[in-house]
Amino acid sequence: MRRNNLFRRVIRFDGAGPFVAQFDVLAPDTPDRSFFREPYQNSESAMDQKLPEVTIAEEPPRQPEILRLLEMSDAYAASLYPAESNHLVDVSALEQPDVSFFVARFDGAIVGCCALVEAGDGTAEIKRMFVDPQARGLKVGKHLLQTLEHHAVSIGLDVIRLETGIHQPEAIGLYRNSGYVERPPFGGYQLDPLSLFMEKVLQPADLDG
C-alpha cells in the first residue's frame, strides 16, 4: 500500500562548500514525525547564518517554472536523439496518483526536477530527471536521485529502473556511481542502440542517503 511520506532535503552552501541538513516528514502515523540529520560540516554558526541553499521537496508538476524546465528538457533531448528514441512523458502523466514528483529549488528558484513512477509490482521508474544548466555544479542531480531512492525505500519499493540516452555521459556516470547497473529493456521499451537501461536493487541503507 502506498504511504504518503513527504520529504524535504536541504543543502546549504558556505565558503567551504555544501553541507546537508535533511528534514524528513514521515508517515502520519509515525510518532516522531520529523528528525534532523547531522550536516557534513557540523557548524552551528553556519546553521545560524542565512546561506544559499538547495531544497528538494514533493511539489505539483503543473507550475510555470516547471513547465519551462520541461521544455528545456524536451529541447535538449531533441538535440541529441531522433523522436523515436525520446521517451518523454508530459505534465499530465506526471500528475497521476502513481507518480511522486520532486522539485529542487536554489534559494527559492526551481533548478531541477525528477519523477518516480510506480509500476505496481514493487518497482518504479525514474522519469524527467533534469537540472537547469545554470545550476550545474551544485550536485542537484545527485541530491534529487538520493531523495528519490529514500522515498522509494520508505514506501516499500524494491527496485528503481530507468532509461537514459548513450549521449549523456554525465547522467550515466551519476547512475553508475550510485549503484545502477545495466539491464535489458523493461516495460514497454524496445531494444534501441541509442538507449541504455539500468536498475538498482534498493536496500534499507538507502534511507541514509
C-alpha atoms as a PDB file:
ATOM      1  CA  MET A   1       0.000   0.000   0.000  1.00  0.00           C
ATOM      2  CA  ARG A   2       1.305   3.421  -0.920  1.00  0.00           C
ATOM      3  CA  ARG A   3       2.127   5.669   2.040  1.00  0.00           C
ATOM      4  CA  ASN A   4       2.126   9.443   1.751  1.00  0.00           C
ATOM      5  CA  ASN A   5       5.603  10.116   3.091  1.00  0.00           C
ATOM      6  CA  LEU A   6       6.803  13.649   2.425  1.00  0.00           C
ATOM      7  CA  PHE A   7      10.456  14.634   2.300  1.00  0.00           C
ATOM      8  CA  ARG A   8      12.320  17.898   2.321  1.00  0.00           C
ATOM      9  CA  ARG A   9      16.069  17.831   1.753  1.00  0.00           C
ATOM     10  CA  VAL A  10      18.075  20.986   2.474  1.00  0.00           C
ATOM     11  CA  ILE A  11      21.589  21.567   1.122  1.00  0.00           C
ATOM     12  CA  ARG A  12      23.249  24.772   2.328  1.00  0.00           C
ATOM     13  CA  PHE A  13      26.360  26.313   0.801  1.00  0.00           C
ATOM     14  CA  ASP A  14      29.119  28.274   2.506  1.00  0.00           C
ATOM     15  CA  GLY A  15      32.657  29.221   1.519  1.00  0.00           C
ATOM     16  CA  ALA A  16      33.947  25.727   2.271  1.00  0.00           C
ATOM     17  CA  GLY A  17      31.338  24.004   0.114  1.00  0.00           C
ATOM     18  CA  PRO A  18      27.970  22.313   0.688  1.00  0.00           C
ATOM     19  CA  PHE A  19      26.719  20.529   3.764  1.00  0.00           C
ATOM     20  CA  VAL A  20      23.393  18.784   4.116  1.00  0.00           C
ATOM     21  CA  ALA A  21      20.735  19.407   6.703  1.00  0.00           C
ATOM     22  CA  GLN A  22      17.941  16.974   5.913  1.00  0.00           C
ATOM     23  CA  PHE A  23      14.484  17.085   7.433  1.00  0.00           C
ATOM     24  CA  ASP A  24      12.182  14.133   6.737  1.00  0.00           C
ATOM     25  CA  VAL A  25       8.465  14.325   7.427  1.00  0.00           C
ATOM     26  CA  LEU A  26       7.419  10.730   7.976  1.00  0.00           C
ATOM     27  CA  ALA A  27       4.111   8.908   7.643  1.00  0.00           C
ATOM     28  CA  PRO A  28       1.184  10.441   9.550  1.00  0.00           C
ATOM     29  CA  ASP A  29       1.055   7.512  11.990  1.00  0.00           C
ATOM     30  CA  THR A  30       4.733   7.776  12.891  1.00  0.00           C
ATOM     31  CA  PRO A  31       5.109   9.122  16.467  1.00  0.00           C
ATOM     32  CA  ASP A  32       8.283  11.082  15.723  1.00  0.00           C
ATOM     33  CA  ARG A  33       7.243  12.777  12.510  1.00  0.00           C
ATOM     34  CA  SER A  34      10.475  14.636  11.812  1.00  0.00           C
ATOM     35  CA  PHE A  35      14.142  14.404  12.550  1.00  0.00           C
ATOM     36  CA  PHE A  36      17.370  16.201  11.730  1.00  0.00           C
ATOM     37  CA  ARG A  37      20.413  14.503  10.254  1.00  0.00           C
ATOM     38  CA  GLU A  38      23.849  15.828  11.150  1.00  0.00           C
ATOM     39  CA  PRO A  39      25.296  18.002   8.372  1.00  0.00           C
ATOM     40  CA  TYR A  40      28.508  17.023   6.637  1.00  0.00           C
ATOM     41  CA  GLN A  41      30.070  20.070   8.288  1.00  0.00           C
ATOM     42  CA  ASN A  42      28.846  20.474  11.847  1.00  0.00           C
ATOM     43  CA  SER A  43      28.844  24.248  12.174  1.00  0.00           C
ATOM     44  CA  GLU A  44      26.318  25.962  14.417  1.00  0.00           C
ATOM     45  CA  SER A  45      27.428  29.356  13.134  1.00  0.00           C
ATOM     46  CA  ALA A  46      26.742  28.207   9.577  1.00  0.00           C
ATOM     47  CA  MET A  47      23.289  26.983  10.593  1.00  0.00           C
ATOM     48  CA  ASP A  48      22.546  30.373  12.147  1.00  0.00           C
ATOM     49  CA  GLN A  49      23.524  32.262   9.005  1.00  0.00           C
ATOM     50  CA  LYS A  50      21.296  32.829   6.010  1.00  0.00           C
ATOM     51  CA  LEU A  51      23.213  30.734   3.475  1.00  0.00           C
ATOM     52  CA  PRO A  52      22.315  29.890  -0.120  1.00  0.00           C
ATOM     53  CA  GLU A  53      20.508  26.569  -0.083  1.00  0.00           C
ATOM     54  CA  VAL A  54      19.028  23.922  -2.313  1.00  0.00           C
ATOM     55  CA  THR A  55      15.771  22.407  -1.110  1.00  0.00           C
ATOM     56  CA  ILE A  56      14.144  19.305  -2.578  1.00  0.00           C
ATOM     57  CA  ALA A  57      10.508  18.501  -1.891  1.00  0.00           C
ATOM     58  CA  GLU A  58       7.447  16.945  -3.500  1.00  0.00           C
ATOM     59  CA  GLU A  59       5.504  19.547  -5.431  1.00  0.00           C
ATOM     60  CA  PRO A  60       2.827  19.557  -8.146  1.00  0.00           C
ATOM     61  CA  PRO A  61       4.374  19.489 -11.618  1.00  0.00           C
ATOM     62  CA  ARG A  62       1.978  21.954 -13.224  1.00  0.00           C
ATOM     63  CA  GLN A  63       3.798  25.181 -12.352  1.00  0.00           C
ATOM     64  CA  PRO A  64       5.103  27.757 -14.861  1.00  0.00           C
ATOM     65  CA  GLU A  65       8.736  27.330 -13.813  1.00  0.00           C
ATOM     66  CA  ILE A  66       8.494  23.556 -14.043  1.00  0.00           C
ATOM     67  CA  LEU A  67       6.816  23.718 -17.443  1.00  0.00           C
ATOM     68  CA  ARG A  68       9.728  25.903 -18.583  1.00  0.00           C
ATOM     69  CA  LEU A  69      12.167  23.321 -17.210  1.00  0.00           C
ATOM     70  CA  LEU A  70      10.354  20.508 -19.024  1.00  0.00           C
ATOM     71  CA  GLU A  71      10.505  22.495 -22.264  1.00  0.00           C
ATOM     72  CA  MET A  72      14.264  22.869 -21.774  1.00  0.00           C
ATOM     73  CA  SER A  73      14.484  19.112 -21.208  1.00  0.00           C
ATOM     74  CA  ASP A  74      12.486  18.446 -24.387  1.00  0.00           C
ATOM     75  CA  ALA A  75      14.750  20.697 -26.437  1.00  0.00           C
ATOM     76  CA  TYR A  76      17.891  19.116 -25.005  1.00  0.00           C
ATOM     77  CA  ALA A  77      16.656  15.584 -25.743  1.00  0.00           C
ATOM     78  CA  ALA A  78      15.603  16.572 -29.267  1.00  0.00           C
ATOM     79  CA  SER A  79      19.102  17.918 -29.919  1.00  0.00           C
ATOM     80  CA  LEU A  80      20.621  14.525 -29.069  1.00  0.00           C
ATOM     81  CA  TYR A  81      18.187  11.883 -30.335  1.00  0.00           C
ATOM     82  CA  PRO A  82      15.524  11.317 -33.003  1.00  0.00           C
ATOM     83  CA  ALA A  83      11.899  11.443 -31.895  1.00  0.00           C
ATOM     84  CA  GLU A  84      11.525   7.643 -31.862  1.00  0.00           C
ATOM     85  CA  SER A  85      14.357   7.390 -29.307  1.00  0.00           C
ATOM     86  CA  ASN A  86      12.931  10.005 -26.952  1.00  0.00           C
ATOM     87  CA  HIS A  87      10.687   8.539 -24.269  1.00  0.00           C
ATOM     88  CA  LEU A  88       9.498  11.670 -22.516  1.00  0.00           C
ATOM     89  CA  VAL A  89       6.242  11.955 -20.580  1.00  0.00           C
ATOM     90  CA  ASP A  90       4.103  15.086 -20.483  1.00  0.00           C
ATOM     91  CA  VAL A  91       2.910  17.016 -17.459  1.00  0.00           C
ATOM     92  CA  SER A  92      -0.448  15.193 -17.424  1.00  0.00           C
ATOM     93  CA  ALA A  93       1.336  11.886 -16.933  1.00  0.00           C
ATOM     94  CA  LEU A  94       3.328  13.423 -14.081  1.00  0.00           C
ATOM     95  CA  GLU A  95       0.083  14.296 -12.293  1.00  0.00           C
ATOM     96  CA  GLN A  96      -1.080  10.683 -11.988  1.00  0.00           C
ATOM     97  CA  PRO A  97      -1.510   9.164  -8.497  1.00  0.00           C
ATOM     98  CA  ASP A  98       1.266   6.610  -9.030  1.00  0.00           C
ATOM     99  CA  VAL A  99       3.831   9.394  -9.612  1.00  0.00           C
ATOM    100  CA  SER A 100       5.927  11.152  -6.976  1.00  0.00           C
ATOM    101  CA  PHE A 101       7.291  14.397  -8.396  1.00  0.00           C
ATOM    102  CA  PHE A 102      10.222  16.159  -6.738  1.00  0.00           C
ATOM    103  CA  VAL A 103      11.410  19.717  -7.311  1.00  0.00           C
ATOM    104  CA  ALA A 104      14.794  21.205  -6.475  1.00  0.00           C
ATOM    105  CA  ARG A 105      14.975  24.909  -5.677  1.00  0.00           C
ATOM    106  CA  PHE A 106      18.042  27.084  -5.197  1.00  0.00           C
ATOM    107  CA  ASP A 107      17.176  29.995  -2.923  1.00  0.00           C
ATOM    108  CA  GLY A 108      13.562  29.551  -3.978  1.00  0.00           C
ATOM    109  CA  ALA A 109      14.074  29.340  -7.758  1.00  0.00           C
ATOM    110  CA  ILE A 110      13.302  25.996  -9.439  1.00  0.00           C
ATOM    111  CA  VAL A 111      16.519  24.472 -10.802  1.00  0.00           C
ATOM    112  CA  GLY A 112      15.729  20.779 -11.220  1.00  0.00           C
ATOM    113  CA  CYS A 113      13.095  18.078 -11.112  1.00  0.00           C
ATOM    114  CA  CYS A 114      12.538  14.344 -11.333  1.00  0.00           C
ATOM    115  CA  ALA A 115       9.695  11.863 -11.060  1.00  0.00           C
ATOM    116  CA  LEU A 116       9.324   8.357  -9.669  1.00  0.00           C
ATOM    117  CA  VAL A 117       6.661   6.346 -11.495  1.00  0.00           C
ATOM    118  CA  GLU A 118       5.473   3.236  -9.666  1.00  0.00           C
ATOM    119  CA  ALA A 119       4.809   0.151 -11.801  1.00  0.00           C
ATOM    120  CA  GLY A 120       2.619  -1.616  -9.244  1.00  0.00           C
ATOM    121  CA  ASP A 121       4.944  -4.626  -8.878  1.00  0.00           C
ATOM    122  CA  GLY A 122       7.425  -3.277  -6.335  1.00  0.00           C
ATOM    123  CA  THR A 123       9.428  -1.421  -8.962  1.00  0.00           C
ATOM    124  CA  ALA A 124       9.421   2.163 -10.167  1.00  0.00           C
ATOM    125  CA  GLU A 125      10.973   4.138 -12.999  1.00  0.00           C
ATOM    126  CA  ILE A 126      12.802   7.451 -12.922  1.00  0.00           C
ATOM    127  CA  LYS A 127      11.385   9.930 -15.404  1.00  0.00           C
ATOM    128  CA  ARG A 128      12.011  13.573 -16.212  1.00  0.00           C
ATOM    129  CA  MET A 129      15.292  13.926 -14.326  1.00  0.00           C
ATOM    130  CA  PHE A 130      16.595  17.314 -15.449  1.00  0.00           C
ATOM    131  CA  VAL A 131      18.714  20.097 -13.978  1.00  0.00           C
ATOM    132  CA  ASP A 132      18.846  23.654 -15.309  1.00  0.00           C
ATOM    133  CA  PRO A 133      22.299  24.079 -16.925  1.00  0.00           C
ATOM    134  CA  GLN A 134      22.785  27.270 -14.894  1.00  0.00           C
ATOM    135  CA  ALA A 135      22.604  25.175 -11.711  1.00  0.00           C
ATOM    136  CA  ARG A 136      25.207  22.625 -12.760  1.00  0.00           C
ATOM    137  CA  GLY A 137      27.956  22.230 -10.190  1.00  0.00           C
ATOM    138  CA  LEU A 138      25.572  22.272  -7.220  1.00  0.00           C
ATOM    139  CA  LYS A 139      25.156  18.460  -7.397  1.00  0.00           C
ATOM    140  CA  VAL A 140      21.416  18.910  -7.740  1.00  0.00           C
ATOM    141  CA  GLY A 141      21.100  15.699  -9.770  1.00  0.00           C
ATOM    142  CA  LYS A 142      22.848  13.662  -7.093  1.00  0.00           C
ATOM    143  CA  HIS A 143      20.612  15.037  -4.355  1.00  0.00           C
ATOM    144  CA  LEU A 144      17.472  14.503  -6.438  1.00  0.00           C
ATOM    145  CA  LEU A 145      18.481  10.890  -7.012  1.00  0.00           C
ATOM    146  CA  GLN A 146      19.179  10.300  -3.320  1.00  0.00           C
ATOM    147  CA  THR A 147      15.812  11.793  -2.428  1.00  0.00           C
ATOM    148  CA  LEU A 148      14.025   9.521  -4.932  1.00  0.00           C
ATOM    149  CA  GLU A 149      15.784   6.459  -3.509  1.00  0.00           C
ATOM    150  CA  HIS A 150      14.979   7.460   0.066  1.00  0.00           C
ATOM    151  CA  HIS A 151      11.333   7.922  -0.874  1.00  0.00           C
ATOM    152  CA  ALA A 152      11.227   4.610  -2.788  1.00  0.00           C
ATOM    153  CA  VAL A 153      12.565   2.627   0.178  1.00  0.00           C
ATOM    154  CA  SER A 154      10.160   4.358   2.568  1.00  0.00           C
ATOM    155  CA  ILE A 155       7.113   3.298   0.526  1.00  0.00           C
ATOM    156  CA  GLY A 156       8.305  -0.296   0.212  1.00  0.00           C
ATOM    157  CA  LEU A 157       9.685  -0.382  -3.328  1.00  0.00           C
ATOM    158  CA  ASP A 158      12.389  -2.925  -4.163  1.00  0.00           C
ATOM    159  CA  VAL A 159      13.897  -1.752  -7.457  1.00  0.00           C
ATOM    160  CA  ILE A 160      14.316   1.520  -9.353  1.00  0.00           C
ATOM    161  CA  ARG A 161      14.742   1.365 -13.122  1.00  0.00           C
ATOM    162  CA  LEU A 162      15.482   3.934 -15.777  1.00  0.00           C
ATOM    163  CA  GLU A 163      16.124   4.579 -19.441  1.00  0.00           C
ATOM    164  CA  THR A 164      18.678   7.162 -20.488  1.00  0.00           C
ATOM    165  CA  GLY A 165      20.495   8.031 -23.702  1.00  0.00           C
ATOM    166  CA  ILE A 166      24.000   6.986 -24.647  1.00  0.00           C
ATOM    167  CA  HIS A 167      24.964  10.609 -25.429  1.00  0.00           C
ATOM    168  CA  GLN A 168      24.538  11.741 -21.816  1.00  0.00           C
ATOM    169  CA  PRO A 169      27.780  10.682 -20.099  1.00  0.00           C
ATOM    170  CA  GLU A 170      27.184  12.862 -17.018  1.00  0.00           C
ATOM    171  CA  ALA A 171      23.839  11.195 -16.312  1.00  0.00           C
ATOM    172  CA  ILE A 172      25.247   7.732 -16.980  1.00  0.00           C
ATOM    173  CA  GLY A 173      28.164   8.447 -14.640  1.00  0.00           C
ATOM    174  CA  LEU A 174      25.816   9.631 -11.896  1.00  0.00           C
ATOM    175  CA  TYR A 175      23.730   6.481 -12.121  1.00  0.00           C
ATOM    176  CA  ARG A 176      26.710   4.129 -12.228  1.00  0.00           C
ATOM    177  CA  ASN A 177      28.364   5.851  -9.284  1.00  0.00           C
ATOM    178  CA  SER A 178      25.082   5.497  -7.376  1.00  0.00           C
ATOM    179  CA  GLY A 179      24.947   1.718  -7.878  1.00  0.00           C
ATOM    180  CA  TYR A 180      22.825   1.361 -11.012  1.00  0.00           C
ATOM    181  CA  VAL A 181      23.725  -1.461 -13.390  1.00  0.00           C
ATOM    182  CA  GLU A 182      22.792  -2.131 -16.989  1.00  0.00           C
ATOM    183  CA  ARG A 183      19.884  -4.436 -17.789  1.00  0.00           C
ATOM    184  CA  PRO A 184      17.712  -5.371 -20.808  1.00  0.00           C
ATOM    185  CA  PRO A 185      14.759  -3.187 -21.845  1.00  0.00           C
ATOM    186  CA  PHE A 186      11.815  -3.328 -19.448  1.00  0.00           C
ATOM    187  CA  GLY A 187       8.125  -2.454 -19.519  1.00  0.00           C
ATOM    188  CA  GLY A 188       7.095  -1.217 -22.947  1.00  0.00           C
ATOM    189  CA  TYR A 189      10.606  -0.325 -24.107  1.00  0.00           C
ATOM    190  CA  GLN A 190      12.196  -1.938 -27.149  1.00  0.00           C
ATOM    191  CA  LEU A 191      15.887  -2.511 -27.739  1.00  0.00           C
ATOM    192  CA  ASP A 192      17.376   0.750 -29.053  1.00  0.00           C
ATOM    193  CA  PRO A 193      21.072   1.348 -29.786  1.00  0.00           C
ATOM    194  CA  LEU A 194      20.654   4.924 -28.506  1.00  0.00           C
ATOM    195  CA  SER A 195      19.175   3.862 -25.167  1.00  0.00           C
ATOM    196  CA  LEU A 196      20.755   2.493 -22.017  1.00  0.00           C
ATOM    197  CA  PHE A 197      18.583   0.664 -19.493  1.00  0.00           C
ATOM    198  CA  MET A 198      19.647   0.468 -15.858  1.00  0.00           C
ATOM    199  CA  GLU A 199      18.335  -0.562 -12.449  1.00  0.00           C
ATOM    200  CA  LYS A 200      19.245  -0.564  -8.783  1.00  0.00           C
ATOM    201  CA  VAL A 201      18.056  -3.020  -6.145  1.00  0.00           C
ATOM    202  CA  LEU A 202      17.232  -0.909  -3.101  1.00  0.00           C
ATOM    203  CA  GLN A 203      18.500  -1.637   0.385  1.00  0.00           C
ATOM    204  CA  PRO A 204      17.421  -0.223   3.773  1.00  0.00           C
ATOM    205  CA  ALA A 205      20.766   1.617   3.830  1.00  0.00           C
ATOM    206  CA  ASP A 206      19.443   3.808   1.012  1.00  0.00           C
ATOM    207  CA  LEU A 207      17.365   5.559   3.671  1.00  0.00           C
ATOM    208  CA  ASP A 208      20.651   7.057   4.885  1.00  0.00           C
ATOM    209  CA  GLY A 209      21.365   8.747   1.544  1.00  0.00           C
END
